[in-house]
Amino acid sequence: MGSGEKKSVLNLPLKIILTQEGSTFFIRQNKKLLKFKLADNVEEYGISLEEFTPATVQRLLLLDYISKIEISQPEFVSSRQETMDLTKLIVYSVLYRQYDAFIFEKILNSDVIKKWNRYNPANIIDEKTHINENFLRAVLKKNEKMIADAKAEILSPLYAFINKNDSLLPEEKNIQLLLSEKFLNNLRPFTWFIITKFQDAAEFDAILRIIRASLTEYMDKAKIAEYVALMLMELVINAENTNIRKEAKDMYKGSVDPNTVMFDPNIRKKVIAELERKHELVFVTWKLGGGSTSIGTQGKLQVTLYNKNDQSDSVREIINDKKNADLKKKSLIDFYREIPEGGEDTNLGMYYLSYLSEACEKVNVKFESMANQFRDTDLTVINLSFIF
């Protein structure tokens, strides 16, 4: 989805769990918060959306108003693209926030700011500095051209590199150009205020070099968004097909080959309707690291897949009981290897996992995966954890 905003509207039923800041914002807007029981049996407050514009959800993410997003459906094949787009939007949002925090920290530790603080002890600039918002907007408005010129100077070498890259298609080049602009446009206003204030300083060019060099690094990190989306969809469809085959076996008492369900749209539709009636769903949760109030966690993202019967109290108890003897932990690669013969084609999952692991390692993103299975139930909980 490029920079996270390709489709104008995504049709996905979301449960959005709010941070304290997010709750405060919506309550002030007279929006009644809903109480949700999530897949992990935790009750939390938030809002629900049946459809949404990517820009709206991304704005809430960047403001640190969202702590979790959950979707639950009996099947995801029909909403494959929307689910992948949402996943990429979330990954991009985490990276925008992390880049913003990284750049702000670098600027505060730059020689320009250190020198200013040394000679202006009564007006030091640090992470606690507060500036009146109306004054800040006025300064940025007055210096629009200077900010545009600074952005152009930062982006110019990157633009040249992208345009000369013959391995990229024209559409891919355009996506990369838009993405680079998006990173800069999501830097906090205070960062641009500092840039306008010190544009004539001898060390000013050093600040622009920091922003440019770091932008290249984060552009590289953004490449893994596609792999995360593909990996998640492989896991989701694997869980979905397991449920469909099992339900088809129960419904047709062996009179229909469960594999036939995958290719007969009428039978598949009936089976999915029964899964919906029984509330036997696949759940996906995206949990974001903390924002400004949680130092060091802005760059964390955990994607969790639950394949369970939501009506089973025993399953809920198992999820919450970390010491349960029936819990069997394994790596995701072992999870794929243990899928029985005749089940899903595991090669694709292995392929995506291999590429995702390799891509994360190349760009210094910490990635861990774990599959937790419970022998006495059909419960599977899979975690994909990232630190950007």
Protein backbone atom coordinates (compact mmCIF):
# COMPACT_ATOMS: atom_id res chain seq x y z
CA MET A 1 0.00 0.00 0.00
CA GLY A 2 2.95 2.30 -0.54
CA SER A 3 2.95 4.94 2.19
CA GLY A 4 -0.11 3.37 3.77
CA GLU A 5 -2.83 5.24 1.84
CA LYS A 6 -3.58 3.53 -1.47
CA LYS A 7 -7.25 2.67 -0.98
CA SER A 8 -9.62 5.48 -0.04
CA VAL A 9 -11.77 3.28 2.25
CA LEU A 10 -11.02 -0.12 3.83
CA ASN A 11 -13.95 -2.36 4.74
CA LEU A 12 -12.78 -4.19 7.86
CA PRO A 13 -14.56 -4.43 11.22
CA LEU A 14 -12.02 -3.04 13.70
CA LYS A 15 -11.95 -2.99 17.46
CA ILE A 16 -9.65 -0.10 18.34
CA ILE A 17 -8.32 -0.05 21.90
CA LEU A 18 -7.36 3.43 22.99
CA THR A 19 -4.46 4.74 25.04
CA GLN A 20 -5.16 7.12 27.92
CA GLU A 21 -4.59 10.06 25.57
CA GLY A 22 -6.93 8.52 23.00
CA SER A 23 -9.67 7.88 25.56
CA THR A 24 -9.41 11.46 26.81
CA PHE A 25 -9.68 12.82 23.26
CA PHE A 26 -12.81 10.82 22.36
CA ILE A 27 -14.52 11.49 25.68
CA ARG A 28 -13.99 15.22 25.13
CA GLN A 29 -15.62 14.74 21.71
CA ASN A 30 -18.64 13.21 23.51
CA LYS A 31 -17.89 9.84 21.92
CA LYS A 32 -19.09 6.98 24.11
CA LEU A 33 -16.38 4.34 24.54
CA LEU A 34 -17.24 0.65 24.13
CA LYS A 35 -16.11 -2.15 26.42
CA PHE A 36 -14.54 -5.03 24.48
CA LYS A 37 -13.51 -8.51 25.55
CA LEU A 38 -10.51 -9.25 23.33
CA ALA A 39 -9.17 -12.59 22.15
CA ASP A 40 -6.86 -12.82 25.17
CA ASN A 41 -9.90 -12.41 27.45
CA VAL A 42 -8.78 -8.95 28.61
CA GLU A 43 -11.50 -6.31 28.83
CA GLU A 44 -10.54 -2.91 27.45
CA TYR A 45 -12.19 0.26 26.20
CA GLY A 46 -12.19 1.68 22.73
CA ILE A 47 -14.18 2.35 19.58
CA SER A 48 -15.37 0.15 16.72
CA LEU A 49 -15.24 0.84 12.99
CA GLU A 50 -16.91 -1.13 10.20
CA GLU A 51 -15.09 0.81 7.50
CA PHE A 52 -12.47 3.51 7.65
CA THR A 53 -10.10 5.64 5.65
CA PRO A 54 -6.44 4.63 6.10
CA ALA A 55 -5.53 8.29 6.71
CA THR A 56 -7.89 8.49 9.70
CA VAL A 57 -6.51 5.39 11.42
CA GLN A 58 -2.94 6.42 10.65
CA ARG A 59 -3.55 9.84 12.19
CA LEU A 60 -4.81 8.18 15.40
CA LEU A 61 -1.76 5.91 15.43
CA LEU A 62 0.67 8.80 14.97
CA LEU A 63 -1.00 10.75 17.77
CA ASP A 64 -0.45 7.74 20.06
CA TYR A 65 -4.20 7.34 20.57
CA ILE A 66 -4.23 3.59 19.76
CA SER A 67 -2.69 0.80 21.82
CA LYS A 68 -4.24 -2.21 20.03
CA ILE A 69 -6.27 -3.06 16.95
CA GLU A 70 -8.17 -6.35 16.68
CA ILE A 71 -10.15 -7.97 13.89
CA SER A 72 -12.01 -11.29 14.07
CA GLN A 73 -13.63 -13.13 11.17
CA PRO A 74 -14.44 -16.71 10.14
CA GLU A 75 -12.51 -16.12 6.90
CA PHE A 76 -10.03 -13.58 5.58
CA VAL A 77 -9.68 -14.60 1.92
CA SER A 78 -12.40 -12.14 0.89
CA SER A 79 -10.63 -9.30 2.73
CA ARG A 80 -7.07 -10.35 1.99
CA GLN A 81 -5.99 -7.05 0.41
CA GLU A 82 -7.63 -4.93 3.12
CA THR A 83 -5.94 -6.97 5.88
CA MET A 84 -2.56 -6.64 4.18
CA ASP A 85 -3.09 -2.90 3.65
CA LEU A 86 -3.97 -2.44 7.33
CA THR A 87 -0.87 -4.39 8.39
CA LYS A 88 1.38 -2.27 6.20
CA LEU A 89 -0.29 0.92 7.41
CA ILE A 90 0.44 -0.07 11.01
CA VAL A 91 4.07 -0.96 10.26
CA TYR A 92 4.60 2.35 8.43
CA SER A 93 2.99 4.25 11.32
CA VAL A 94 5.32 2.61 13.85
CA LEU A 95 8.29 3.54 11.65
CA TYR A 96 7.13 7.16 11.21
CA ARG A 97 6.85 7.52 14.98
CA GLN A 98 10.17 5.84 15.61
CA TYR A 99 11.92 7.98 13.00
CA ASP A 100 10.43 11.13 14.52
CA ALA A 101 11.61 10.16 18.03
CA PHE A 102 15.06 9.19 16.72
CA ILE A 103 15.55 12.46 14.82
CA PHE A 104 14.34 14.58 17.73
CA GLU A 105 16.80 12.87 20.07
CA LYS A 106 19.65 13.33 17.58
CA ILE A 107 18.88 17.02 17.14
CA LEU A 108 18.74 17.61 20.90
CA ASN A 109 22.19 16.01 21.16
CA SER A 110 23.63 17.94 18.21
CA ASP A 111 26.42 20.49 18.60
CA VAL A 112 24.00 23.26 17.57
CA ILE A 113 21.66 22.64 20.52
CA LYS A 114 24.46 21.90 22.98
CA LYS A 115 26.05 25.25 22.11
CA TRP A 116 22.72 27.08 22.46
CA ASN A 117 22.02 25.50 25.86
CA ARG A 118 25.50 26.37 27.06
CA TYR A 119 25.02 30.07 26.30
CA ASN A 120 21.31 30.23 27.16
CA PRO A 121 20.86 28.34 30.45
CA ALA A 122 17.57 30.12 31.15
CA ASN A 123 16.06 29.01 27.81
CA ILE A 124 17.51 25.58 27.15
CA ILE A 125 16.01 23.37 24.47
CA ASP A 126 15.35 19.78 25.55
CA GLU A 127 12.60 17.11 25.49
CA LYS A 128 10.67 19.04 28.19
CA THR A 129 10.62 22.34 26.32
CA HIS A 130 7.07 23.57 25.76
CA ILE A 131 6.13 26.13 23.11
CA ASN A 132 2.73 27.74 22.72
CA GLU A 133 0.98 25.98 19.83
CA ASN A 134 -0.38 29.16 18.25
CA PHE A 135 3.11 30.71 18.31
CA LEU A 136 4.59 27.51 16.86
CA ARG A 137 2.07 27.42 14.00
CA ALA A 138 2.70 31.08 13.24
CA VAL A 139 6.48 30.56 13.06
CA LEU A 140 6.14 27.53 10.80
CA LYS A 141 3.66 29.36 8.56
CA LYS A 142 6.04 32.29 8.25
CA ASN A 143 8.91 29.96 7.37
CA GLU A 144 7.04 27.66 4.94
CA LYS A 145 9.44 28.33 2.07
CA MET A 146 12.53 27.77 4.20
CA ILE A 147 11.10 24.46 5.47
CA ALA A 148 10.22 23.41 1.90
CA ASP A 149 13.78 24.24 0.81
CA ALA A 150 15.23 22.23 3.73
CA LYS A 151 13.07 19.23 2.79
CA ALA A 152 14.17 19.53 -0.84
CA GLU A 153 17.83 19.63 0.22
CA ILE A 154 17.35 16.54 2.40
CA LEU A 155 15.47 14.61 -0.29
CA SER A 156 17.45 15.64 -3.38
CA PRO A 157 20.18 12.93 -3.18
CA LEU A 158 17.57 10.29 -2.31
CA TYR A 159 15.36 11.34 -5.23
CA ALA A 160 18.32 11.04 -7.60
CA PHE A 161 19.17 7.57 -6.27
CA ILE A 162 15.59 6.32 -6.61
CA ASN A 163 15.12 7.72 -10.12
CA LYS A 164 18.38 6.11 -11.31
CA ASN A 165 17.45 2.70 -9.87
CA ASP A 166 16.64 0.67 -12.98
CA SER A 167 15.45 -2.29 -10.90
CA LEU A 168 12.35 -0.33 -9.82
CA LEU A 169 9.24 0.04 -11.96
CA PRO A 170 7.86 3.58 -12.41
CA GLU A 171 5.06 2.85 -9.90
CA GLU A 172 7.59 1.50 -7.40
CA LYS A 173 9.74 4.60 -7.80
CA ASN A 174 6.71 6.78 -7.16
CA ILE A 175 5.88 4.81 -4.01
CA GLN A 176 9.44 5.25 -2.74
CA LEU A 177 9.38 8.99 -3.43
CA LEU A 178 6.06 9.41 -1.62
CA LEU A 179 7.29 7.32 1.29
CA SER A 180 10.40 9.47 1.75
CA GLU A 181 8.22 12.59 1.82
CA LYS A 182 5.87 10.96 4.32
CA PHE A 183 8.72 10.32 6.77
CA LEU A 184 9.70 14.00 6.69
CA ASN A 185 6.11 15.26 6.84
CA ASN A 186 5.54 13.25 10.02
CA LEU A 187 8.41 14.83 11.93
CA ARG A 188 7.01 16.81 14.86
CA PRO A 189 6.50 20.57 14.33
CA PHE A 190 9.04 21.36 17.07
CA THR A 191 11.76 19.70 14.98
CA TRP A 192 11.01 22.05 12.08
CA PHE A 193 10.89 24.98 14.51
CA ILE A 194 14.44 24.15 15.63
CA ILE A 195 15.53 23.91 11.99
CA THR A 196 14.08 27.36 11.22
CA LYS A 197 15.65 28.85 14.35
CA PHE A 198 19.16 27.59 13.58
CA GLN A 199 19.21 27.80 9.78
CA ASP A 200 22.04 30.34 9.88
CA ALA A 201 24.15 28.45 12.43
CA ALA A 202 27.55 27.19 11.29
CA GLU A 203 26.59 23.64 12.24
CA PHE A 204 23.18 23.74 10.50
CA ASP A 205 24.23 21.45 7.64
CA ALA A 206 25.10 18.74 10.18
CA ILE A 207 21.43 18.60 11.27
CA LEU A 208 20.27 18.12 7.67
CA ARG A 209 22.89 15.38 7.17
CA ILE A 210 21.60 13.55 10.27
CA ILE A 211 18.02 13.69 8.96
CA ARG A 212 19.07 12.53 5.48
CA ALA A 213 21.28 9.64 6.61
CA SER A 214 18.66 8.37 9.05
CA LEU A 215 15.94 8.68 6.41
CA THR A 216 17.82 6.26 4.19
CA GLU A 217 18.00 3.77 7.06
CA TYR A 218 14.28 4.00 7.81
CA MET A 219 13.38 3.73 4.13
CA ASP A 220 15.23 0.41 4.17
CA LYS A 221 13.34 -0.67 7.28
CA ALA A 222 10.04 0.16 5.58
CA LYS A 223 10.71 -2.58 3.02
CA ILE A 224 9.81 -5.25 5.56
CA ALA A 225 6.19 -4.02 5.77
CA GLU A 226 5.33 -6.10 2.70
CA TYR A 227 6.93 -9.22 4.21
CA VAL A 228 5.07 -8.74 7.50
CA ALA A 229 1.77 -8.48 5.63
CA LEU A 230 2.47 -11.59 3.53
CA MET A 231 3.62 -13.60 6.56
CA LEU A 232 0.53 -12.67 8.54
CA MET A 233 -1.83 -13.54 5.67
CA GLU A 234 -0.17 -16.92 5.27
CA LEU A 235 -0.73 -17.64 8.97
CA VAL A 236 -4.31 -16.33 8.92
CA ILE A 237 -5.34 -18.35 5.86
CA ASN A 238 -3.67 -21.44 7.31
CA ALA A 239 -5.79 -21.05 10.48
CA GLU A 240 -8.90 -20.24 8.48
CA ASN A 241 -8.55 -23.34 6.28
CA THR A 242 -7.96 -25.54 9.33
CA ASN A 243 -11.27 -24.32 10.78
CA ILE A 244 -13.14 -24.74 7.49
CA ARG A 245 -11.91 -28.31 6.99
CA LYS A 246 -12.79 -29.26 10.54
CA GLU A 247 -16.29 -27.75 10.31
CA ALA A 248 -16.91 -29.37 6.90
CA LYS A 249 -16.01 -32.75 8.40
CA ASP A 250 -18.51 -32.20 11.24
CA MET A 251 -21.26 -30.85 8.96
CA TYR A 252 -21.08 -33.48 6.24
CA LYS A 253 -20.04 -36.48 8.38
CA GLY A 254 -17.46 -37.59 5.88
CA SER A 255 -19.77 -37.41 2.85
CA VAL A 256 -17.78 -34.50 1.45
CA ASP A 257 -14.00 -34.46 1.09
CA PRO A 258 -12.88 -31.54 3.31
CA ASN A 259 -10.48 -30.45 0.56
CA THR A 260 -13.45 -30.06 -1.79
CA VAL A 261 -14.68 -27.22 0.42
CA MET A 262 -11.72 -25.13 -0.63
CA PHE A 263 -12.84 -25.19 -4.27
CA ASP A 264 -16.65 -25.43 -4.09
CA PRO A 265 -17.93 -21.88 -3.42
CA ASN A 266 -21.42 -23.03 -2.37
CA ILE A 267 -20.23 -25.55 0.20
CA ARG A 268 -17.56 -23.13 1.41
CA LYS A 269 -20.19 -20.42 1.90
CA LYS A 270 -22.36 -22.75 4.03
CA VAL A 271 -19.40 -23.84 6.15
CA ILE A 272 -18.27 -20.24 6.74
CA ALA A 273 -21.83 -19.28 7.74
CA GLU A 274 -21.81 -22.10 10.32
CA LEU A 275 -18.43 -20.96 11.68
CA GLU A 276 -19.87 -17.45 11.99
CA ARG A 277 -22.94 -18.78 13.82
CA LYS A 278 -20.76 -20.72 16.27
CA HIS A 279 -18.44 -17.73 16.64
CA GLU A 280 -15.48 -19.91 15.73
CA LEU A 281 -13.29 -17.16 14.38
CA VAL A 282 -9.70 -16.31 13.63
CA PHE A 283 -8.53 -13.30 15.66
CA VAL A 284 -5.66 -10.96 14.77
CA THR A 285 -4.36 -8.34 17.19
CA TRP A 286 -1.78 -5.63 16.50
CA LYS A 287 -0.33 -4.30 19.76
CA LEU A 288 1.74 -1.13 19.58
CA GLY A 289 4.53 -0.05 21.88
CA GLY A 290 3.97 2.96 24.10
CA GLY A 291 4.39 6.50 22.88
CA SER A 292 5.71 9.58 24.62
CA THR A 293 4.92 8.22 28.09
CA SER A 294 6.68 4.91 27.52
CA ILE A 295 10.34 5.63 26.89
CA GLY A 296 12.06 3.13 24.62
CA THR A 297 8.90 1.32 23.46
CA GLN A 298 7.80 3.53 20.55
CA GLY A 299 9.34 1.12 18.05
CA LYS A 300 7.69 -2.07 19.31
CA LEU A 301 4.99 -3.97 17.45
CA GLN A 302 3.48 -7.33 18.34
CA VAL A 303 1.15 -9.13 15.95
CA THR A 304 -0.77 -12.01 17.50
CA LEU A 305 -3.00 -14.57 15.82
CA TYR A 306 -5.52 -16.56 17.87
CA ASN A 307 -7.34 -19.51 16.34
CA LYS A 308 -9.96 -20.56 18.88
CA ASN A 309 -13.62 -21.04 19.73
CA ASP A 310 -14.57 -17.81 21.46
CA GLN A 311 -17.42 -19.55 23.33
CA SER A 312 -15.13 -21.95 25.14
CA ASP A 313 -14.48 -20.85 28.73
CA SER A 314 -11.76 -23.47 29.04
CA VAL A 315 -9.89 -21.88 26.13
CA ARG A 316 -10.09 -18.48 27.82
CA GLU A 317 -8.71 -19.95 31.02
CA ILE A 318 -5.86 -21.62 29.14
CA ILE A 319 -4.86 -18.32 27.48
CA ASN A 320 -4.67 -16.58 30.83
CA ASP A 321 -2.93 -19.45 32.65
CA LYS A 322 0.73 -19.04 31.79
CA LYS A 323 1.67 -22.11 33.88
CA ASN A 324 -0.77 -24.46 32.15
CA ALA A 325 0.83 -27.85 31.63
CA ASP A 326 -0.79 -28.30 28.23
CA LEU A 327 1.07 -25.35 26.78
CA LYS A 328 3.56 -26.36 24.11
CA LYS A 329 5.85 -23.61 22.87
CA LYS A 330 7.72 -23.92 19.62
CA SER A 331 9.35 -21.76 17.03
CA LEU A 332 7.27 -20.78 14.03
CA ILE A 333 9.47 -22.89 11.78
CA ASP A 334 8.76 -25.95 13.95
CA PHE A 335 5.07 -25.11 13.88
CA TYR A 336 5.11 -25.33 10.08
CA ARG A 337 7.13 -28.55 10.09
CA GLU A 338 4.60 -30.25 12.36
CA ILE A 339 1.57 -29.53 10.16
CA PRO A 340 0.36 -33.03 9.09
CA GLU A 341 0.75 -34.39 5.58
CA GLY A 342 -2.24 -33.45 3.47
CA GLY A 343 -2.72 -30.21 5.39
CA GLU A 344 -1.67 -26.79 4.18
CA ASP A 345 1.21 -26.33 1.82
CA THR A 346 3.83 -25.18 4.34
CA ASN A 347 6.46 -24.24 1.75
CA LEU A 348 5.00 -20.77 1.22
CA GLY A 349 4.93 -20.06 4.96
CA MET A 350 8.54 -21.21 5.33
CA TYR A 351 9.46 -19.04 2.36
CA TYR A 352 7.87 -15.88 3.81
CA LEU A 353 9.34 -16.57 7.26
CA SER A 354 12.81 -16.98 5.78
CA TYR A 355 12.57 -13.73 3.82
CA LEU A 356 11.07 -11.81 6.74
CA SER A 357 13.81 -12.98 9.11
CA GLU A 358 16.51 -12.13 6.58
CA ALA A 359 15.00 -8.71 5.75
CA CYS A 360 14.75 -7.78 9.44
CA GLU A 361 18.34 -8.83 10.12
CA LYS A 362 19.64 -6.73 7.22
CA VAL A 363 18.05 -3.51 8.49
CA ASN A 364 18.67 -4.07 12.21
CA VAL A 365 15.06 -4.84 13.15
CA LYS A 366 14.73 -7.38 15.95
CA PHE A 367 12.23 -10.08 14.98
CA GLU A 368 11.01 -13.03 17.04
CA SER A 369 8.24 -15.51 16.35
CA MET A 370 6.65 -18.11 18.58
CA ALA A 371 3.77 -20.58 18.21
CA ASN A 372 1.99 -21.64 21.40
CA GLN A 373 -0.26 -24.67 21.09
CA PHE A 374 -2.48 -26.36 23.67
CA ARG A 375 -2.78 -30.13 23.35
CA ASP A 376 -6.19 -30.48 25.01
CA THR A 377 -7.84 -27.93 22.73
CA ASP A 378 -7.46 -26.71 19.17
CA LEU A 379 -6.10 -23.41 20.40
CA THR A 380 -3.10 -21.94 18.61
CA VAL A 381 -1.57 -18.58 19.53
CA ILE A 382 1.14 -17.23 17.23
CA ASN A 383 3.20 -14.15 18.05
CA LEU A 384 5.27 -12.07 15.63
CA SER A 385 7.27 -9.48 17.62
CA PHE A 386 9.25 -6.60 16.17
CA ILE A 387 11.48 -3.90 17.61
CA PHE A 388 12.25 -1.25 15.01
